[in-house]
N, C-alpha and C. Protein backbone atom coordinates (compact mmCIF):
# COMPACT_ATOMS: atom_id res chain seq x y z
N MET A 1 32.22 -7.39 -1.72
CA MET A 1 31.84 -8.70 -1.18
C MET A 1 30.55 -9.17 -1.85
N PRO A 2 30.58 -10.33 -2.48
CA PRO A 2 29.38 -10.81 -3.14
C PRO A 2 28.30 -11.19 -2.13
N GLY A 3 27.05 -11.11 -2.56
CA GLY A 3 25.94 -11.44 -1.68
C GLY A 3 25.56 -12.91 -1.77
N PHE A 4 24.50 -13.25 -1.07
CA PHE A 4 24.03 -14.62 -1.04
C PHE A 4 23.06 -14.95 -2.17
N ILE A 5 22.35 -13.95 -2.67
CA ILE A 5 21.37 -14.15 -3.73
C ILE A 5 22.13 -14.33 -5.04
N GLN A 6 21.89 -15.44 -5.73
CA GLN A 6 22.69 -15.79 -6.89
C GLN A 6 22.05 -15.51 -8.24
N ASP A 7 20.72 -15.50 -8.32
CA ASP A 7 20.08 -15.32 -9.63
C ASP A 7 18.71 -14.67 -9.48
N LYS A 8 18.09 -14.42 -10.63
CA LYS A 8 16.79 -13.73 -10.63
C LYS A 8 15.69 -14.56 -9.97
N LEU A 9 15.77 -15.85 -10.05
CA LEU A 9 14.76 -16.69 -9.40
C LEU A 9 14.80 -16.46 -7.89
N GLU A 10 16.00 -16.38 -7.32
CA GLU A 10 16.11 -16.13 -5.89
C GLU A 10 15.63 -14.72 -5.52
N ILE A 11 15.83 -13.76 -6.42
CA ILE A 11 15.31 -12.40 -6.18
C ILE A 11 13.78 -12.46 -6.12
N LYS A 12 13.18 -13.23 -7.02
CA LYS A 12 11.72 -13.38 -7.01
C LYS A 12 11.26 -14.04 -5.72
N PHE A 13 11.96 -15.06 -5.27
CA PHE A 13 11.62 -15.71 -3.99
C PHE A 13 11.68 -14.69 -2.86
N LEU A 14 12.71 -13.85 -2.89
CA LEU A 14 12.88 -12.84 -1.85
C LEU A 14 11.75 -11.81 -1.88
N ILE A 15 11.37 -11.37 -3.06
CA ILE A 15 10.27 -10.41 -3.19
C ILE A 15 8.98 -11.03 -2.65
N LEU A 16 8.71 -12.29 -2.99
CA LEU A 16 7.52 -12.96 -2.48
C LEU A 16 7.58 -13.13 -0.97
N TYR A 17 8.76 -13.42 -0.45
CA TYR A 17 8.95 -13.56 0.99
C TYR A 17 8.58 -12.24 1.69
N ILE A 18 9.05 -11.15 1.13
CA ILE A 18 8.77 -9.82 1.70
C ILE A 18 7.29 -9.47 1.57
N ALA A 19 6.74 -9.68 0.38
CA ALA A 19 5.33 -9.33 0.14
C ALA A 19 4.39 -10.12 1.05
N ALA A 20 4.78 -11.32 1.45
CA ALA A 20 3.95 -12.13 2.34
C ALA A 20 3.99 -11.61 3.77
N ARG A 21 4.94 -10.74 4.08
CA ARG A 21 5.12 -10.32 5.47
C ARG A 21 4.85 -8.84 5.73
N VAL A 22 4.62 -8.06 4.68
CA VAL A 22 4.23 -6.67 4.92
C VAL A 22 2.74 -6.65 5.25
N GLU A 23 2.34 -5.75 6.14
CA GLU A 23 0.98 -5.75 6.66
C GLU A 23 -0.05 -5.16 5.71
N GLU A 24 0.39 -4.47 4.69
CA GLU A 24 -0.53 -3.89 3.71
C GLU A 24 0.23 -3.68 2.41
N PRO A 25 -0.50 -3.45 1.32
CA PRO A 25 0.18 -3.20 0.05
C PRO A 25 1.18 -2.04 0.18
N VAL A 26 2.32 -2.17 -0.50
CA VAL A 26 3.38 -1.18 -0.38
C VAL A 26 3.83 -0.68 -1.75
N PRO A 27 4.32 0.56 -1.81
CA PRO A 27 4.79 1.10 -3.08
C PRO A 27 6.12 0.47 -3.54
N PHE A 28 6.44 0.72 -4.79
CA PHE A 28 7.66 0.21 -5.42
C PHE A 28 8.89 0.47 -4.56
N ASP A 29 9.08 1.74 -4.14
CA ASP A 29 10.28 2.11 -3.38
C ASP A 29 10.44 1.30 -2.10
N THR A 30 9.33 0.98 -1.46
CA THR A 30 9.40 0.22 -0.22
C THR A 30 9.84 -1.21 -0.48
N ILE A 31 9.25 -1.84 -1.49
CA ILE A 31 9.68 -3.21 -1.83
C ILE A 31 11.15 -3.20 -2.24
N LEU A 32 11.55 -2.18 -2.99
CA LEU A 32 12.95 -2.06 -3.39
C LEU A 32 13.85 -1.97 -2.17
N ASP A 33 13.55 -1.07 -1.25
CA ASP A 33 14.37 -0.91 -0.04
C ASP A 33 14.45 -2.20 0.76
N LEU A 34 13.32 -2.87 0.91
CA LEU A 34 13.31 -4.11 1.68
C LEU A 34 14.04 -5.24 0.97
N THR A 35 14.04 -5.22 -0.35
CA THR A 35 14.71 -6.28 -1.13
C THR A 35 16.21 -6.06 -1.21
N LEU A 36 16.66 -4.83 -1.15
CA LEU A 36 18.09 -4.57 -1.29
C LEU A 36 18.86 -4.86 0.01
N CYS A 37 18.52 -5.97 0.63
CA CYS A 37 19.18 -6.39 1.87
C CYS A 37 20.39 -7.27 1.57
N ASP A 38 20.64 -7.50 0.31
CA ASP A 38 21.77 -8.35 -0.10
C ASP A 38 22.58 -7.60 -1.14
N ASP A 39 23.89 -7.60 -1.02
CA ASP A 39 24.77 -6.84 -1.92
C ASP A 39 24.72 -7.31 -3.37
N ALA A 40 24.26 -8.53 -3.61
CA ALA A 40 24.25 -9.07 -4.97
C ALA A 40 23.06 -8.58 -5.80
N ILE A 41 22.08 -7.94 -5.17
CA ILE A 41 20.87 -7.51 -5.88
C ILE A 41 21.07 -6.10 -6.40
N ASP A 42 20.79 -5.90 -7.68
CA ASP A 42 20.85 -4.54 -8.21
C ASP A 42 19.45 -4.08 -8.66
N TYR A 43 19.33 -2.80 -8.86
CA TYR A 43 18.05 -2.18 -9.19
C TYR A 43 17.40 -2.79 -10.43
N PHE A 44 18.19 -3.01 -11.47
CA PHE A 44 17.63 -3.47 -12.74
C PHE A 44 17.12 -4.90 -12.65
N ASP A 45 17.87 -5.77 -11.99
CA ASP A 45 17.39 -7.14 -11.80
C ASP A 45 16.13 -7.14 -10.94
N PHE A 46 16.13 -6.32 -9.89
CA PHE A 46 14.94 -6.21 -9.03
C PHE A 46 13.73 -5.77 -9.85
N SER A 47 13.88 -4.72 -10.65
CA SER A 47 12.77 -4.20 -11.46
C SER A 47 12.23 -5.26 -12.41
N ASP A 48 13.13 -5.99 -13.06
CA ASP A 48 12.70 -7.06 -13.98
C ASP A 48 11.92 -8.14 -13.23
N CYS A 49 12.42 -8.52 -12.08
CA CYS A 49 11.77 -9.58 -11.30
C CYS A 49 10.41 -9.13 -10.80
N LEU A 50 10.31 -7.91 -10.34
CA LEU A 50 9.04 -7.39 -9.84
C LEU A 50 8.01 -7.36 -10.97
N ALA A 51 8.42 -6.89 -12.13
CA ALA A 51 7.52 -6.86 -13.30
C ALA A 51 7.09 -8.27 -13.69
N ASP A 52 8.01 -9.22 -13.65
CA ASP A 52 7.66 -10.61 -13.96
C ASP A 52 6.63 -11.17 -12.98
N LEU A 53 6.80 -10.85 -11.69
CA LEU A 53 5.86 -11.35 -10.68
C LEU A 53 4.47 -10.75 -10.87
N VAL A 54 4.39 -9.54 -11.34
CA VAL A 54 3.08 -8.93 -11.65
C VAL A 54 2.50 -9.60 -12.90
N ARG A 55 3.34 -9.76 -13.92
CA ARG A 55 2.89 -10.37 -15.18
C ARG A 55 2.39 -11.80 -14.96
N THR A 56 3.03 -12.55 -14.08
CA THR A 56 2.65 -13.95 -13.82
C THR A 56 1.59 -14.06 -12.71
N GLU A 57 1.07 -12.92 -12.29
CA GLU A 57 -0.02 -12.83 -11.30
C GLU A 57 0.34 -13.37 -9.92
N HIS A 58 1.61 -13.22 -9.55
CA HIS A 58 2.03 -13.51 -8.18
C HIS A 58 1.82 -12.28 -7.29
N LEU A 59 1.86 -11.11 -7.94
CA LEU A 59 1.62 -9.83 -7.27
C LEU A 59 0.61 -9.03 -8.08
N THR A 60 -0.08 -8.12 -7.42
CA THR A 60 -0.95 -7.17 -8.10
C THR A 60 -0.45 -5.77 -7.79
N VAL A 61 -0.83 -4.82 -8.64
CA VAL A 61 -0.52 -3.41 -8.41
C VAL A 61 -1.83 -2.66 -8.41
N ASP A 62 -2.10 -1.90 -7.34
CA ASP A 62 -3.35 -1.14 -7.28
C ASP A 62 -3.17 0.21 -7.99
N PRO A 63 -4.25 0.98 -8.15
CA PRO A 63 -4.16 2.28 -8.85
C PRO A 63 -3.18 3.26 -8.20
N ASN A 64 -2.88 3.07 -6.92
CA ASN A 64 -1.92 3.95 -6.23
C ASN A 64 -0.48 3.49 -6.40
N GLY A 65 -0.27 2.41 -7.15
CA GLY A 65 1.07 1.89 -7.37
C GLY A 65 1.59 1.04 -6.23
N CYS A 66 0.70 0.51 -5.42
CA CYS A 66 1.10 -0.35 -4.30
C CYS A 66 0.96 -1.81 -4.68
N TYR A 67 1.95 -2.59 -4.28
CA TYR A 67 2.03 -4.01 -4.63
C TYR A 67 1.48 -4.87 -3.49
N ALA A 68 0.75 -5.91 -3.89
CA ALA A 68 0.19 -6.85 -2.91
C ALA A 68 0.34 -8.27 -3.45
N LEU A 69 0.47 -9.20 -2.54
CA LEU A 69 0.62 -10.61 -2.88
C LEU A 69 -0.74 -11.21 -3.24
N THR A 70 -0.75 -12.02 -4.28
CA THR A 70 -1.96 -12.75 -4.64
C THR A 70 -1.93 -14.11 -3.93
N GLU A 71 -3.02 -14.85 -4.02
CA GLU A 71 -3.04 -16.19 -3.43
C GLU A 71 -2.01 -17.08 -4.13
N LYS A 72 -1.89 -16.95 -5.44
CA LYS A 72 -0.88 -17.71 -6.18
C LYS A 72 0.52 -17.37 -5.67
N GLY A 73 0.78 -16.09 -5.46
CA GLY A 73 2.08 -15.66 -4.94
C GLY A 73 2.33 -16.19 -3.54
N ARG A 74 1.28 -16.22 -2.72
CA ARG A 74 1.42 -16.73 -1.35
C ARG A 74 1.79 -18.22 -1.37
N ARG A 75 1.07 -19.00 -2.19
CA ARG A 75 1.35 -20.44 -2.28
C ARG A 75 2.76 -20.71 -2.78
N ASN A 76 3.10 -20.09 -3.91
CA ASN A 76 4.41 -20.35 -4.51
C ASN A 76 5.55 -19.81 -3.65
N GLY A 77 5.33 -18.66 -3.04
CA GLY A 77 6.36 -18.09 -2.17
C GLY A 77 6.61 -18.97 -0.95
N ALA A 78 5.54 -19.46 -0.35
CA ALA A 78 5.68 -20.32 0.84
C ALA A 78 6.43 -21.60 0.48
N ALA A 79 6.20 -22.12 -0.71
CA ALA A 79 6.86 -23.36 -1.13
C ALA A 79 8.35 -23.16 -1.37
N CYS A 80 8.75 -21.92 -1.68
CA CYS A 80 10.15 -21.67 -2.07
C CYS A 80 10.97 -20.90 -1.04
N GLU A 81 10.34 -20.36 0.00
CA GLU A 81 11.07 -19.47 0.89
C GLU A 81 12.21 -20.16 1.64
N SER A 82 12.11 -21.46 1.86
CA SER A 82 13.18 -22.16 2.58
C SER A 82 14.47 -22.22 1.76
N SER A 83 14.37 -21.96 0.46
CA SER A 83 15.59 -21.96 -0.36
C SER A 83 16.38 -20.66 -0.22
N LEU A 84 15.77 -19.65 0.42
CA LEU A 84 16.51 -18.40 0.67
C LEU A 84 17.49 -18.62 1.81
N PRO A 85 18.69 -18.07 1.70
CA PRO A 85 19.65 -18.21 2.80
C PRO A 85 19.07 -17.68 4.12
N TYR A 86 19.36 -18.38 5.19
CA TYR A 86 18.84 -18.03 6.51
C TYR A 86 19.22 -16.60 6.90
N SER A 87 20.46 -16.21 6.62
CA SER A 87 20.92 -14.87 6.99
C SER A 87 20.13 -13.78 6.26
N ILE A 88 19.73 -14.05 5.03
CA ILE A 88 18.92 -13.09 4.27
C ILE A 88 17.52 -13.00 4.88
N ARG A 89 16.95 -14.15 5.21
CA ARG A 89 15.62 -14.14 5.85
C ARG A 89 15.66 -13.39 7.17
N GLN A 90 16.70 -13.58 7.95
CA GLN A 90 16.83 -12.88 9.23
C GLN A 90 16.93 -11.37 9.01
N ARG A 91 17.75 -10.97 8.06
CA ARG A 91 17.92 -9.54 7.76
C ARG A 91 16.58 -8.95 7.30
N CYS A 92 15.89 -9.67 6.42
CA CYS A 92 14.57 -9.22 5.95
C CYS A 92 13.58 -9.11 7.10
N ASP A 93 13.57 -10.10 7.97
CA ASP A 93 12.63 -10.08 9.10
C ASP A 93 12.85 -8.86 9.98
N GLY A 94 14.11 -8.50 10.21
CA GLY A 94 14.40 -7.30 11.00
C GLY A 94 13.90 -6.04 10.31
N ASN A 95 14.16 -5.94 9.01
CA ASN A 95 13.70 -4.77 8.24
C ASN A 95 12.17 -4.72 8.19
N LEU A 96 11.55 -5.87 8.02
CA LEU A 96 10.09 -5.94 7.95
C LEU A 96 9.45 -5.57 9.28
N LYS A 97 10.06 -5.98 10.36
CA LYS A 97 9.53 -5.64 11.68
C LYS A 97 9.47 -4.12 11.85
N GLU A 98 10.54 -3.45 11.46
CA GLU A 98 10.58 -1.99 11.56
C GLU A 98 9.56 -1.35 10.62
N TRP A 99 9.48 -1.83 9.38
CA TRP A 99 8.54 -1.27 8.41
C TRP A 99 7.09 -1.46 8.87
N ASN A 100 6.75 -2.65 9.33
CA ASN A 100 5.39 -2.91 9.80
C ASN A 100 5.05 -2.07 11.03
N ARG A 101 6.03 -1.81 11.88
CA ARG A 101 5.81 -0.93 13.02
C ARG A 101 5.46 0.48 12.55
N LYS A 102 6.15 0.96 11.54
CA LYS A 102 5.85 2.29 10.97
C LYS A 102 4.46 2.32 10.35
N LEU A 103 4.08 1.26 9.65
CA LEU A 103 2.75 1.20 9.05
C LEU A 103 1.66 1.24 10.12
N ARG A 104 1.84 0.47 11.18
CA ARG A 104 0.86 0.48 12.28
C ARG A 104 0.75 1.87 12.88
N ARG A 105 1.87 2.51 13.08
CA ARG A 105 1.89 3.86 13.66
C ARG A 105 1.14 4.84 12.76
N GLN A 106 1.34 4.75 11.46
CA GLN A 106 0.63 5.63 10.52
C GLN A 106 -0.87 5.41 10.57
N ARG A 107 -1.28 4.18 10.75
CA ARG A 107 -2.72 3.88 10.84
C ARG A 107 -3.30 4.37 12.15
N GLN A 108 -2.53 4.37 13.21
CA GLN A 108 -3.03 4.70 14.54
C GLN A 108 -3.00 6.18 14.86
N VAL A 109 -2.11 6.92 14.24
CA VAL A 109 -1.95 8.35 14.54
C VAL A 109 -2.21 9.16 13.27
N LYS A 110 -3.24 9.98 13.32
CA LYS A 110 -3.60 10.79 12.14
C LYS A 110 -3.78 12.23 12.56
N ALA A 111 -3.31 13.12 11.71
CA ALA A 111 -3.49 14.55 11.92
C ALA A 111 -3.72 15.20 10.56
N SER A 112 -4.74 16.03 10.47
CA SER A 112 -5.02 16.71 9.21
C SER A 112 -5.44 18.15 9.49
N THR A 113 -5.26 19.00 8.49
CA THR A 113 -5.69 20.40 8.60
C THR A 113 -6.61 20.72 7.43
N GLU A 114 -7.55 21.61 7.70
CA GLU A 114 -8.51 22.00 6.67
C GLU A 114 -8.86 23.47 6.85
N ARG A 115 -8.83 24.20 5.76
CA ARG A 115 -9.18 25.62 5.80
C ARG A 115 -10.70 25.77 5.88
N ARG A 116 -11.14 26.64 6.76
CA ARG A 116 -12.57 26.95 6.90
C ARG A 116 -12.92 28.13 6.02
N THR A 117 -14.20 28.31 5.78
CA THR A 117 -14.65 29.43 4.92
C THR A 117 -14.32 30.79 5.52
N ASN A 118 -14.20 30.89 6.84
CA ASN A 118 -13.90 32.18 7.48
C ASN A 118 -12.41 32.48 7.56
N GLY A 119 -11.55 31.62 6.97
CA GLY A 119 -10.11 31.86 6.95
C GLY A 119 -9.33 31.17 8.05
N THR A 120 -10.02 30.65 9.06
CA THR A 120 -9.33 29.89 10.10
C THR A 120 -9.14 28.45 9.62
N TYR A 121 -8.56 27.64 10.48
CA TYR A 121 -8.28 26.25 10.12
C TYR A 121 -8.82 25.30 11.19
N THR A 122 -9.21 24.13 10.73
CA THR A 122 -9.57 23.05 11.64
C THR A 122 -8.45 22.02 11.60
N VAL A 123 -7.99 21.64 12.78
CA VAL A 123 -7.01 20.56 12.90
C VAL A 123 -7.75 19.39 13.50
N ARG A 124 -7.66 18.25 12.84
CA ARG A 124 -8.28 17.04 13.37
C ARG A 124 -7.17 16.08 13.78
N LEU A 125 -7.22 15.66 15.04
CA LEU A 125 -6.22 14.77 15.60
C LEU A 125 -6.91 13.50 16.04
N SER A 126 -6.41 12.36 15.61
CA SER A 126 -7.02 11.11 16.05
C SER A 126 -5.95 10.10 16.43
N LEU A 127 -6.29 9.33 17.42
CA LEU A 127 -5.40 8.30 17.94
C LEU A 127 -6.23 7.04 18.12
N SER A 128 -5.72 5.92 17.67
CA SER A 128 -6.44 4.66 17.85
C SER A 128 -5.43 3.59 18.25
N ASP A 129 -5.97 2.47 18.68
CA ASP A 129 -5.14 1.31 18.97
C ASP A 129 -5.71 0.13 18.20
N ASP A 130 -5.27 -1.06 18.51
CA ASP A 130 -5.71 -2.25 17.78
C ASP A 130 -7.20 -2.54 17.97
N LYS A 131 -7.80 -1.98 19.00
CA LYS A 131 -9.21 -2.25 19.30
C LYS A 131 -10.15 -1.17 18.76
N GLY A 132 -9.61 -0.02 18.36
CA GLY A 132 -10.46 1.04 17.83
C GLY A 132 -9.99 2.42 18.26
N GLY A 133 -10.89 3.40 18.11
CA GLY A 133 -10.55 4.78 18.40
C GLY A 133 -10.31 5.04 19.87
N VAL A 134 -9.30 5.82 20.17
CA VAL A 134 -8.97 6.24 21.53
C VAL A 134 -9.33 7.71 21.72
N MET A 135 -9.05 8.52 20.68
CA MET A 135 -9.32 9.95 20.76
C MET A 135 -9.56 10.49 19.36
N ASP A 136 -10.52 11.40 19.26
CA ASP A 136 -10.79 12.11 18.01
C ASP A 136 -11.09 13.55 18.41
N LEU A 137 -10.20 14.46 18.07
CA LEU A 137 -10.29 15.83 18.55
C LEU A 137 -10.20 16.80 17.38
N LYS A 138 -11.11 17.78 17.34
CA LYS A 138 -11.06 18.84 16.34
C LYS A 138 -10.80 20.15 17.07
N LEU A 139 -9.85 20.92 16.56
CA LEU A 139 -9.50 22.21 17.15
C LEU A 139 -9.51 23.28 16.08
N MET A 140 -9.91 24.50 16.46
CA MET A 140 -9.85 25.63 15.55
C MET A 140 -8.52 26.34 15.77
N MET A 141 -7.84 26.65 14.68
CA MET A 141 -6.58 27.39 14.72
C MET A 141 -6.74 28.66 13.89
N VAL A 142 -6.02 29.70 14.27
CA VAL A 142 -6.20 30.99 13.59
C VAL A 142 -5.53 31.07 12.23
N ASP A 143 -4.47 30.29 12.03
CA ASP A 143 -3.81 30.33 10.72
C ASP A 143 -3.20 28.97 10.37
N GLN A 144 -2.75 28.88 9.13
CA GLN A 144 -2.23 27.61 8.63
C GLN A 144 -0.95 27.20 9.34
N ALA A 145 -0.08 28.13 9.64
CA ALA A 145 1.18 27.80 10.31
C ALA A 145 0.90 27.18 11.68
N GLN A 146 -0.03 27.75 12.42
CA GLN A 146 -0.39 27.23 13.73
C GLN A 146 -1.01 25.84 13.59
N ALA A 147 -1.88 25.67 12.61
CA ALA A 147 -2.54 24.38 12.39
C ALA A 147 -1.52 23.30 12.06
N LYS A 148 -0.58 23.61 11.19
CA LYS A 148 0.45 22.62 10.82
C LYS A 148 1.36 22.29 11.99
N ALA A 149 1.68 23.30 12.81
CA ALA A 149 2.52 23.08 13.98
C ALA A 149 1.83 22.15 14.98
N VAL A 150 0.55 22.35 15.19
CA VAL A 150 -0.21 21.50 16.12
C VAL A 150 -0.26 20.07 15.58
N ALA A 151 -0.54 19.92 14.30
CA ALA A 151 -0.62 18.59 13.69
C ALA A 151 0.73 17.86 13.80
N LYS A 152 1.80 18.57 13.52
CA LYS A 152 3.14 17.97 13.58
C LYS A 152 3.48 17.55 15.01
N ARG A 153 3.22 18.42 15.95
CA ARG A 153 3.53 18.13 17.36
C ARG A 153 2.73 16.93 17.85
N PHE A 154 1.47 16.85 17.45
CA PHE A 154 0.64 15.71 17.84
C PHE A 154 1.22 14.41 17.30
N GLN A 155 1.63 14.41 16.03
CA GLN A 155 2.16 13.19 15.42
C GLN A 155 3.45 12.73 16.09
N GLU A 156 4.19 13.65 16.66
CA GLU A 156 5.44 13.29 17.33
C GLU A 156 5.21 12.58 18.65
N SER A 157 4.12 12.94 19.35
CA SER A 157 3.91 12.37 20.69
C SER A 157 2.43 12.35 21.07
N PRO A 158 1.62 11.59 20.35
CA PRO A 158 0.18 11.60 20.62
C PRO A 158 -0.20 11.03 21.98
N GLU A 159 0.53 10.02 22.43
CA GLU A 159 0.21 9.41 23.72
C GLU A 159 0.42 10.41 24.86
N LYS A 160 1.44 11.22 24.74
CA LYS A 160 1.73 12.23 25.76
C LYS A 160 0.58 13.25 25.83
N LEU A 161 0.14 13.72 24.68
CA LEU A 161 -0.97 14.68 24.63
C LEU A 161 -2.23 14.04 25.19
N TYR A 162 -2.52 12.83 24.81
CA TYR A 162 -3.69 12.12 25.30
C TYR A 162 -3.65 12.02 26.83
N GLY A 163 -2.50 11.64 27.36
CA GLY A 163 -2.33 11.53 28.80
C GLY A 163 -2.57 12.85 29.52
N LYS A 164 -2.08 13.94 28.94
CA LYS A 164 -2.27 15.25 29.55
C LYS A 164 -3.73 15.69 29.51
N ILE A 165 -4.41 15.40 28.43
CA ILE A 165 -5.84 15.75 28.33
C ILE A 165 -6.63 14.98 29.38
N ILE A 166 -6.37 13.68 29.50
CA ILE A 166 -7.06 12.86 30.48
C ILE A 166 -6.76 13.36 31.90
N GLN A 167 -5.51 13.68 32.15
CA GLN A 167 -5.12 14.19 33.47
C GLN A 167 -5.87 15.49 33.78
N LEU A 168 -5.93 16.42 32.83
CA LEU A 168 -6.65 17.68 33.03
C LEU A 168 -8.13 17.44 33.28
N LEU A 169 -8.71 16.54 32.55
CA LEU A 169 -10.14 16.27 32.69
C LEU A 169 -10.49 15.56 33.99
N LEU A 170 -9.56 14.80 34.54
CA LEU A 170 -9.83 14.06 35.77
C LEU A 170 -9.38 14.77 37.04
N THR A 171 -8.63 15.85 36.88
CA THR A 171 -8.14 16.59 38.05
C THR A 171 -9.20 17.58 38.49
N GLU A 172 -9.53 17.54 39.76
CA GLU A 172 -10.52 18.48 40.29
C GLU A 172 -9.88 19.84 40.50
N GLU A 173 -10.65 20.89 40.25
CA GLU A 173 -10.15 22.24 40.44
C GLU A 173 -10.00 22.54 41.92
N GLN A 174 -9.01 23.34 42.25
CA GLN A 174 -8.77 23.73 43.66
C GLN A 174 -9.61 24.93 44.03
């Protein structure tokens, strides 16, 4: 079944549409995944269009390989986005909503491990919301496996852990 996107110009419009709606610069693979929302788009056309948008200064690429929209890209993309089929914009908006939710979650929930000089590990767990830090906790773990397990478990359900800590701290001993 053919898609709605008919040529490379429309692929460029779609890339600009997506770049204007992601919350932070994104790597090549992410823009590719978000752009492949139409059956008519193939990898090679996408790659050519993305390179053209960088060359014409509609997008920039940072040292980490993440793409961001320039002011020129924002202006030109906004002027052309209405030419994209409505169904494609809707599909993109759904995909972008999910992607931006993941980005926010990554910014809000952090867990890291670090080896100490004595052979133990420090696990740092932090949770924040849109207003700032909610929790910043450092724990000593006896080995790397334990440290990684704690970090992984925290990332799966940080709000639950936070709630339990608060409950323990506010409950009076019997």
